[in-house]
Protein backbone atom coordinates (compact mmCIF):
# COMPACT_ATOMS: atom_id res chain seq x y z
CA UNK A 1 35.04 155.09 -24.54
CA UNK A 2 32.74 157.85 -25.95
CA UNK A 3 33.13 161.48 -26.95
CA UNK A 4 32.36 163.64 -23.88
CA UNK A 5 30.34 166.11 -26.04
CA UNK A 6 28.25 164.00 -28.41
CA UNK A 7 28.94 160.57 -26.93
CA UNK A 8 29.95 159.32 -30.34
CA UNK A 9 32.17 156.27 -30.47
CA UNK A 10 33.73 157.37 -33.75
CA UNK A 11 37.11 159.00 -33.00
CA UNK A 12 40.77 158.75 -33.86
CA UNK A 13 44.11 159.32 -32.17
CA UNK A 14 45.41 162.88 -32.37
CA UNK A 15 48.85 163.03 -30.73
CA UNK A 16 49.63 163.13 -26.98
CA UNK A 17 49.19 165.81 -24.31
CA UNK A 18 50.88 165.64 -20.90
CA UNK A 19 51.99 162.08 -21.60
CA UNK A 20 48.36 161.08 -22.26
CA UNK A 21 46.74 159.94 -25.47
CA UNK A 22 44.68 162.68 -27.23
CA UNK A 23 41.67 161.82 -29.37
CA UNK A 24 39.65 163.72 -32.03
CA UNK A 25 35.93 163.05 -32.44
CA UNK A 26 35.04 162.50 -36.10
CA UNK A 27 31.43 163.52 -35.47
CA UNK A 28 31.74 166.88 -33.68
CA UNK A 29 35.47 167.61 -33.85
CA UNK A 30 35.89 167.63 -30.03
CA UNK A 31 39.39 166.83 -28.75
CA UNK A 32 39.56 164.86 -25.52
CA UNK A 33 42.02 162.84 -23.47
CA UNK A 34 41.76 159.18 -22.58
CA UNK A 35 39.46 158.83 -19.57
CA UNK A 36 41.10 157.81 -16.26
CA UNK A 37 38.16 155.42 -15.63
CA UNK A 38 36.11 153.55 -18.17
CA UNK A 39 32.37 154.24 -18.40
CA UNK A 40 31.62 150.65 -17.46
CA UNK A 41 33.61 151.02 -14.21
CA UNK A 42 31.75 154.21 -13.38
CA UNK A 43 28.47 152.42 -13.96
CA UNK A 44 29.57 149.56 -11.68
CA UNK A 45 30.56 151.94 -8.92
CA UNK A 46 27.19 153.70 -9.05
CA UNK A 47 25.35 150.39 -8.85
CA UNK A 48 24.55 148.44 -5.73
CA UNK A 49 27.53 146.02 -5.73
CA UNK A 50 26.68 142.53 -4.38
CA UNK A 51 24.09 144.07 -2.08
CA UNK A 52 26.75 145.17 0.43
CA UNK A 53 27.64 148.78 -0.60
CA UNK A 54 25.72 151.73 -1.97
CA UNK A 55 26.99 155.04 -3.30
CA UNK A 56 25.39 157.98 -1.49
CA UNK A 57 23.42 160.72 -3.29
CA UNK A 58 26.22 163.23 -2.75
CA UNK A 59 28.77 160.81 -4.23
CA UNK A 60 26.48 160.15 -7.21
CA UNK A 61 26.16 163.88 -7.84
CA UNK A 62 29.92 164.29 -7.58
CA UNK A 63 30.53 161.44 -10.02
CA UNK A 64 27.93 162.90 -12.39
CA UNK A 65 29.66 166.28 -12.34
CA UNK A 66 32.99 164.56 -12.87
CA UNK A 67 31.59 162.71 -15.85
CA UNK A 68 30.33 165.92 -17.48
CA UNK A 69 33.64 167.77 -17.09
CA UNK A 70 35.87 167.95 -20.12
CA UNK A 71 38.77 165.53 -19.89
CA UNK A 72 41.36 168.31 -19.85
CA UNK A 73 39.70 169.89 -16.79
CA UNK A 74 39.81 166.74 -14.69
CA UNK A 75 42.40 167.30 -11.96
CA UNK A 76 43.94 165.13 -9.25
CA UNK A 77 41.84 166.90 -6.63
CA UNK A 78 38.59 166.13 -8.39
CA UNK A 79 39.52 162.44 -8.57
CA UNK A 80 40.55 162.09 -4.91
CA UNK A 81 37.03 161.65 -3.56
CA UNK A 82 36.24 159.16 -6.31
CA UNK A 83 39.38 157.13 -5.47
CA UNK A 84 38.39 157.13 -1.80
CA UNK A 85 34.97 155.78 -2.68
CA UNK A 86 36.56 153.02 -4.75
CA UNK A 87 38.94 152.08 -1.91
CA UNK A 88 36.11 151.92 0.61
CA UNK A 89 34.07 149.69 -1.68
CA UNK A 90 37.02 147.34 -2.27
CA UNK A 91 37.70 147.10 1.48
CA UNK A 92 34.05 146.31 2.24
CA UNK A 93 34.01 143.69 -0.49
CA UNK A 94 37.17 141.97 0.83
CA UNK A 95 35.79 141.88 4.38
CA UNK A 96 32.38 140.61 3.31
CA UNK A 97 31.33 137.06 4.36
CA UNK A 98 31.07 135.91 0.76
CA UNK A 99 34.70 136.88 0.06
CA UNK A 100 36.01 135.28 3.26
CA UNK A 101 34.32 132.00 2.28
CA UNK A 102 35.26 132.20 -1.40
CA UNK A 103 37.57 129.83 -3.27
CA UNK A 104 39.72 132.77 -4.38
CA UNK A 105 40.73 133.53 -0.80
CA UNK A 106 41.62 129.85 -0.20
CA UNK A 107 43.84 129.83 -3.29
CA UNK A 108 45.53 133.03 -2.13
CA UNK A 109 46.29 131.51 1.30
CA UNK A 110 47.70 128.34 -0.31
CA UNK A 111 50.08 130.47 -2.38
CA UNK A 112 51.48 132.44 0.56
CA UNK A 113 51.58 129.52 3.07
CA UNK A 114 54.77 127.86 1.71
CA UNK A 115 56.58 131.19 1.97
CA UNK A 116 55.47 131.54 5.57
CA UNK A 117 56.69 128.02 6.38
CA UNK A 118 60.09 128.74 4.80
CA UNK A 119 60.39 131.92 6.87
CA UNK A 120 59.47 129.96 10.02
CA UNK A 121 62.18 127.37 9.32
CA UNK A 122 64.73 130.13 8.75
CA UNK A 123 63.81 131.62 12.12
CA UNK A 124 63.73 128.33 14.07
CA UNK A 125 66.40 126.19 12.38
CA UNK A 126 66.77 122.42 11.97
CA UNK A 127 69.21 119.63 12.85
CA UNK A 128 70.89 117.25 10.40
CA UNK A 129 72.49 113.82 10.90
CA UNK A 130 75.41 112.45 8.87
CA UNK A 131 76.07 108.72 9.37
CA UNK A 132 79.04 106.64 8.27
CA UNK A 133 77.06 103.41 7.95
CA UNK A 134 80.25 101.37 7.36
CA UNK A 135 81.65 102.47 10.72
CA UNK A 136 78.68 102.93 13.03
CA UNK A 137 75.23 101.37 13.31
CA UNK A 138 72.35 103.28 14.87
CA UNK A 139 69.13 101.56 15.90
CA UNK A 140 65.88 103.47 16.24
CA UNK A 141 66.31 104.00 20.01
CA UNK A 142 69.80 105.44 19.58
CA UNK A 143 68.54 107.74 16.85
CA UNK A 144 65.69 109.02 19.02
CA UNK A 145 68.14 109.71 21.86
CA UNK A 146 70.42 111.68 19.53
CA UNK A 147 67.42 113.69 18.36
CA UNK A 148 66.62 114.52 22.01
CA UNK A 149 70.15 115.86 22.53
CA UNK A 150 69.63 118.51 19.81
CA UNK A 151 67.77 121.74 20.52
CA UNK A 152 66.39 121.94 16.97
CA UNK A 153 64.17 119.29 15.30
CA UNK A 154 66.02 116.55 13.41
CA UNK A 155 64.74 117.02 9.85
CA UNK A 156 67.32 115.41 7.52
CA UNK A 157 69.29 112.17 7.90
CA UNK A 158 71.93 110.92 5.46
CA UNK A 159 73.85 107.63 5.47
CA UNK A 160 77.08 107.11 3.49
CA UNK A 161 78.36 103.65 2.49
CA UNK A 162 79.20 101.31 -0.36
CA UNK A 163 75.78 99.73 -0.43
CA UNK A 164 77.01 96.92 -2.70
CA UNK A 165 79.24 95.66 0.08
CA UNK A 166 77.70 92.37 1.37
CA UNK A 167 78.85 93.16 4.92
CA UNK A 168 76.29 95.97 5.03
CA UNK A 169 73.52 93.38 4.81
CA UNK A 170 70.01 94.83 4.75
CA UNK A 171 71.02 97.97 6.60
CA UNK A 172 70.18 100.09 3.56
CA UNK A 173 66.55 98.92 3.58
CA UNK A 174 66.19 99.61 7.29
CA UNK A 175 67.70 103.09 7.07
CA UNK A 176 65.66 103.96 4.00
CA UNK A 177 62.45 102.96 5.80
CA UNK A 178 63.48 105.26 8.66
CA UNK A 179 63.73 108.24 6.30
CA UNK A 180 67.47 108.32 5.56
CA UNK A 181 68.84 109.56 2.25
CA UNK A 182 71.31 106.92 1.12
CA UNK A 183 74.53 108.15 -0.49
CA UNK A 184 76.49 105.48 -2.36
CA UNK A 185 80.30 105.63 -2.49
CA UNK A 186 82.68 103.40 -4.48
CA UNK A 187 84.76 100.71 -2.82
CA UNK A 188 87.91 101.97 -1.13
CA UNK A 189 89.46 102.81 2.21
CA UNK A 190 87.85 105.83 3.94
CA UNK A 191 85.68 106.39 0.89
CA UNK A 192 82.57 107.05 2.99
CA UNK A 193 84.51 109.41 5.27
CA UNK A 194 85.83 111.38 2.30
CA UNK A 195 82.33 111.75 0.85
CA UNK A 196 80.98 112.89 4.22
CA UNK A 197 83.70 115.54 4.48
CA UNK A 198 83.11 116.75 0.91
CA UNK A 199 79.37 116.94 1.40
CA UNK A 200 79.46 118.35 4.92
CA UNK A 201 81.87 121.16 4.03
CA UNK A 202 79.17 122.80 1.87
CA UNK A 203 76.14 121.67 3.87
CA UNK A 204 74.96 125.22 4.58
CA UNK A 205 74.68 125.87 0.84
CA UNK A 206 72.29 122.93 0.40
CA UNK A 207 70.45 123.36 3.73
CA UNK A 208 70.56 127.05 4.74
CA UNK A 209 68.28 126.48 7.77
CA UNK A 210 70.58 123.94 9.47
CA UNK A 211 71.79 124.94 12.94
CA UNK A 212 73.06 121.64 14.41
CA UNK A 213 74.82 118.63 12.87
CA UNK A 214 75.37 115.14 14.27
CA UNK A 215 78.53 113.59 12.79
CA UNK A 216 78.20 109.85 13.49
CA UNK A 217 81.49 108.00 12.99
CA UNK A 218 84.32 106.74 15.17
CA UNK A 219 86.97 107.50 12.53
CA UNK A 220 89.37 110.18 13.74
CA UNK A 221 89.60 111.76 10.27
CA UNK A 222 86.11 113.19 10.81
CA UNK A 223 87.60 115.71 13.25
CA UNK A 224 88.48 117.81 10.17
CA UNK A 225 84.80 117.93 9.19
CA UNK A 226 83.79 118.84 12.74
CA UNK A 227 86.26 121.75 12.79
CA UNK A 228 85.04 123.04 9.42
CA UNK A 229 81.40 122.93 10.48
CA UNK A 230 82.25 124.77 13.70
CA UNK A 231 83.99 127.47 11.68
CA UNK A 232 80.75 127.89 9.72
CA UNK A 233 78.94 128.74 12.95
CA UNK A 234 77.13 125.42 13.43
CA UNK A 235 76.64 123.41 16.63
CA UNK A 236 78.47 120.11 16.07
CA UNK A 237 77.95 116.81 17.93
CA UNK A 238 80.53 114.10 17.25
CA UNK A 239 79.01 110.68 17.94
CA UNK A 240 81.47 107.80 18.52
CA UNK A 241 81.12 104.28 19.84
CA UNK A 242 83.27 102.56 22.47
CA UNK A 243 82.10 99.07 23.30
CA UNK A 244 78.40 99.18 24.16
CA UNK A 245 78.37 102.94 24.79
CA UNK A 246 77.83 105.91 22.50
CA UNK A 247 79.85 109.00 23.39
CA UNK A 248 78.23 112.24 22.18
CA UNK A 249 80.64 115.17 22.33
CA UNK A 250 79.41 118.71 21.93
CA UNK A 251 82.38 120.17 20.08
CA UNK A 252 81.32 123.72 20.86
CA UNK A 253 81.12 123.31 24.66
CA UNK A 254 83.23 120.18 25.26
CA UNK A 255 80.38 118.53 27.16
CA UNK A 256 79.99 114.73 26.88
CA UNK A 257 76.76 112.74 26.98
CA UNK A 258 76.83 108.94 27.18
CA UNK A 259 74.25 106.41 25.97
CA UNK A 260 74.19 102.70 26.78
CA UNK A 261 73.36 100.60 23.71
CA UNK A 262 72.78 97.48 25.81
CA UNK A 263 70.33 99.16 28.20
CA UNK A 264 68.93 101.64 25.64
CA UNK A 265 69.20 104.50 28.11
CA UNK A 266 71.41 107.45 28.95
CA UNK A 267 74.37 106.73 31.23
CA UNK A 268 74.01 109.20 34.12
CA UNK A 269 76.93 111.25 35.36
CA UNK A 270 78.49 110.72 38.80
CA UNK A 271 76.62 113.73 40.16
CA UNK A 272 73.28 112.32 38.99
CA UNK A 273 74.06 108.91 40.50
CA UNK A 274 74.85 110.51 43.87
CA UNK A 275 71.63 112.51 43.70
CA UNK A 276 69.60 109.38 42.91
CA UNK A 277 71.19 107.46 45.81
CA UNK A 278 70.50 110.34 48.17
CA UNK A 279 66.87 110.41 47.03
CA UNK A 280 66.54 106.66 47.62
CA UNK A 281 68.05 106.95 51.10
CA UNK A 282 65.76 109.85 51.98
CA UNK A 283 62.69 107.99 50.72
CA UNK A 284 63.60 104.90 52.75
CA UNK A 285 64.23 106.99 55.85
CA UNK A 286 60.85 108.66 55.46
CA UNK A 287 59.27 105.24 55.01
CA UNK A 288 60.89 103.77 58.14
CA UNK A 289 59.89 106.81 60.19
CA UNK A 290 56.30 106.47 59.03
CA UNK A 291 56.16 102.78 59.96
CA UNK A 292 57.75 103.42 63.35
CA UNK A 293 55.18 106.12 64.01
CA UNK A 294 52.39 103.68 63.20
CA UNK A 295 53.96 101.09 65.51
CA UNK A 296 54.13 103.63 68.34
CA UNK A 297 50.48 104.49 67.77
CA UNK A 298 49.50 100.82 68.00
CA UNK A 299 51.47 100.43 71.26
CA UNK A 300 49.78 103.50 72.76
CA UNK A 301 46.33 102.19 71.83
CA UNK A 302 47.19 98.82 73.36
CA UNK A 303 48.35 100.46 76.58
CA UNK A 304 45.18 102.56 76.75
CA UNK A 305 43.05 99.46 76.28
CA UNK A 306 45.01 97.63 79.02
CA UNK A 307 44.37 100.46 81.50
CA UNK A 308 40.66 100.45 80.73
CA UNK A 309 40.40 96.67 81.18
CA UNK A 310 42.42 96.79 84.44
CA UNK A 311 39.86 99.17 85.88
CA UNK A 312 37.20 96.55 85.07
CA UNK A 313 39.18 93.97 87.18
CA UNK A 314 40.05 91.84 84.17
CA UNK A 315 43.59 90.47 84.05
CA UNK A 316 45.37 91.87 80.98
CA UNK A 317 49.02 91.68 79.94
CA UNK A 318 51.16 94.52 81.23
CA UNK A 319 52.81 96.95 78.86
CA UNK A 320 56.15 95.28 79.63
CA UNK A 321 54.85 92.10 78.01
CA UNK A 322 54.56 93.74 74.59
CA UNK A 323 57.95 95.47 74.78
CA UNK A 324 59.81 92.48 73.28
CA UNK A 325 57.27 92.42 70.44
CA UNK A 326 57.84 96.10 69.71
CA UNK A 327 61.61 95.60 69.88
CA UNK A 328 61.43 92.70 67.42
CA UNK A 329 59.27 94.69 65.01
CA UNK A 330 61.66 97.64 65.29
CA UNK A 331 64.58 95.35 64.50
CA UNK A 332 62.72 94.02 61.44
CA UNK A 333 62.02 97.55 60.26
CA UNK A 334 65.67 98.46 60.71
CA UNK A 335 66.65 95.34 58.78
CA UNK A 336 64.52 96.45 55.80
CA UNK A 337 66.19 99.86 55.67
CA UNK A 338 69.26 99.89 53.34
CA UNK A 339 70.56 102.98 55.18
CA UNK A 340 70.07 101.36 58.62
CA UNK A 341 73.25 102.59 60.32
CA UNK A 342 74.06 106.08 59.08
CA UNK A 343 76.52 107.05 61.85
CA UNK A 344 78.48 105.90 64.92
CA UNK A 345 75.80 106.97 67.39
CA UNK A 346 73.18 104.76 65.74
CA UNK A 347 75.63 101.84 65.66
CA UNK A 348 76.34 102.14 69.41
CA UNK A 349 72.60 102.26 70.21
CA UNK A 350 71.99 99.13 68.16
CA UNK A 351 74.89 97.25 69.81
CA UNK A 352 73.67 98.22 73.29
CA UNK A 353 70.19 96.99 72.41
CA UNK A 354 71.54 93.67 71.14
CA UNK A 355 73.52 93.16 74.39
CA UNK A 356 70.45 94.09 76.44
CA UNK A 357 68.20 91.64 74.55
CA UNK A 358 70.69 88.79 74.97
CA UNK A 359 71.11 89.39 78.70
CA UNK A 360 67.32 89.75 79.16
CA UNK A 361 66.75 86.30 77.71
CA UNK A 362 69.77 84.74 79.46
CA UNK A 363 71.03 86.87 82.36
CA UNK A 364 74.03 84.60 82.99
CA UNK A 365 75.18 84.65 79.35
CA UNK A 366 78.35 86.55 78.55
CA UNK A 367 78.26 88.36 75.18
CA UNK A 368 81.36 87.65 73.12
CA UNK A 369 82.58 89.76 70.20
CA UNK A 370 81.75 86.97 67.76
CA UNK A 371 78.20 86.56 69.13
CA UNK A 372 77.62 90.32 69.06
CA UNK A 373 78.89 90.45 65.48
CA UNK A 374 76.62 87.54 64.45
CA UNK A 375 73.53 89.30 65.86
CA UNK A 376 74.55 92.54 64.14
CA UNK A 377 74.87 90.70 60.81
CA UNK A 378 71.46 89.02 61.32
CA UNK A 379 69.73 92.36 61.94
CA UNK A 380 71.46 94.51 59.34
CA UNK A 381 72.32 91.98 56.66
CA UNK A 382 75.91 93.28 56.57
CA UNK A 383 79.11 92.04 58.13
CA UNK A 384 80.37 94.07 61.12
CA UNK A 385 83.69 94.80 59.41
CA UNK A 386 81.96 96.23 56.31
CA UNK A 387 79.81 98.47 58.52
CA UNK A 388 82.87 99.76 60.36
CA UNK A 389 84.72 100.47 57.10
CA UNK A 390 81.68 102.13 55.53
CA UNK A 391 81.37 104.49 58.50
CA UNK A 392 85.16 105.03 58.49
CA UNK A 393 85.46 103.99 62.16
CA UNK A 394 88.46 101.71 61.79
CA UNK A 395 89.73 98.63 60.00
CA UNK A 396 87.65 95.95 61.80
CA UNK A 397 84.91 95.37 64.37
CA UNK A 398 87.14 94.26 67.27
CA UNK A 399 89.45 97.27 67.04
CA UNK A 400 86.43 99.58 67.00
CA UNK A 401 85.06 98.04 70.23
CA UNK A 402 88.45 98.43 71.88
CA UNK A 403 88.67 102.12 71.00
CA UNK A 404 85.00 102.90 71.69
CA UNK A 405 84.18 104.87 74.87
CA UNK A 406 80.85 103.03 75.04
CA UNK A 407 82.16 99.47 75.40
CA UNK A 408 84.94 97.61 77.16
CA UNK A 409 86.47 94.27 76.22
CA UNK A 410 87.61 91.56 78.66
CA UNK A 411 89.61 88.50 77.57
CA UNK A 412 87.86 85.24 78.53
CA UNK A 413 89.83 82.26 77.26
CA UNK A 414 90.34 82.75 73.56
CA UNK A 415 87.56 85.31 73.05
CA UNK A 416 86.79 88.83 74.12
CA UNK A 417 83.66 89.54 76.15
CA UNK A 418 81.84 92.80 75.44
CA UNK A 419 80.40 94.88 78.24
CA UNK A 420 78.81 98.30 78.02
CA UNK A 421 80.28 101.08 80.09
CA UNK A 422 76.87 102.86 80.14
CA UNK A 423 73.57 102.61 78.32
CA UNK A 424 71.19 105.27 76.93
């Protein structure tokens, strides 16, 4: 700093004015206040900084006038344009390519990035798993399924046990390799459960971002921990094992999810099973309809070819000759369909066809109930009685034929003969 009158650097402090330090020049006796900006900063501002910004002629003149003013006459208004110039230069420097590629900017981003990640976790939340390793064993597939049940990512996993107990085996090594934090408890009854309850009761204090907790133990005492966690506003899943099945209870909604340990897959609900069966039946019905359509197309082409060849006076088999072939193929297609007889009407049509085929081959043959049932079993792969019960048409095949308006039974010796009343 220099004296504004003689530019001497020899001065001394001389009290304070307006909360600013006052100086007295030893050379000329001029009193002046401490400059708001150092002369070196003014020089830098007037220079061409980094080749990106230049101070205009008007700004240079203004700064020159500001420099020549006595310190006591410098006002806030006179400094406003100078401050604006400084702000513009700083903004242009920050947005310059050299600054964007500088190491200083990279260091700045690295400092603020952890804070941004913490804020993201607070907004999104995490899940946490507590495992009583003495009571329940979780393989990697079971763990992945439990993680899929949660809405938030499973970030922390803790296993409680007396790891010195030889019955644990090498379970500690396996769990540690899968990222579990192992908590050791002393030997004693329910020691692991007690530690889980003590730790879980204050879990929010240690993990403030936790939203969901999986409590993995079949011990009933853990219900106290589940209730406490619910009271803290957390979503709680209580995981228990019964035989080869894991039962996952959402304590907040009461909904159960089941997982088969033997098959390593979720056990579907009754509604899902019904939906899957219906889908299979529909797919098979679509398949049988497609194959029947193809068979009809082949028969039509064969008939067309026969008509053409007949016009050329060549003896060709009549269309009636291929009817038995089509009937046999249709029967085979029906036999492949697991939903072959969906209702009573279809059953009656199939029985009439069987009687017709038998009498076509042997016109004098009488069709008994037992013979009709045998042919029905051969075509469908099911016993006649099971078909009748499945369609809820009675208790057995004979009683159904007696009550059916389509057939009539006539006693012949020890057996009933079946005769159709009409055919479609």
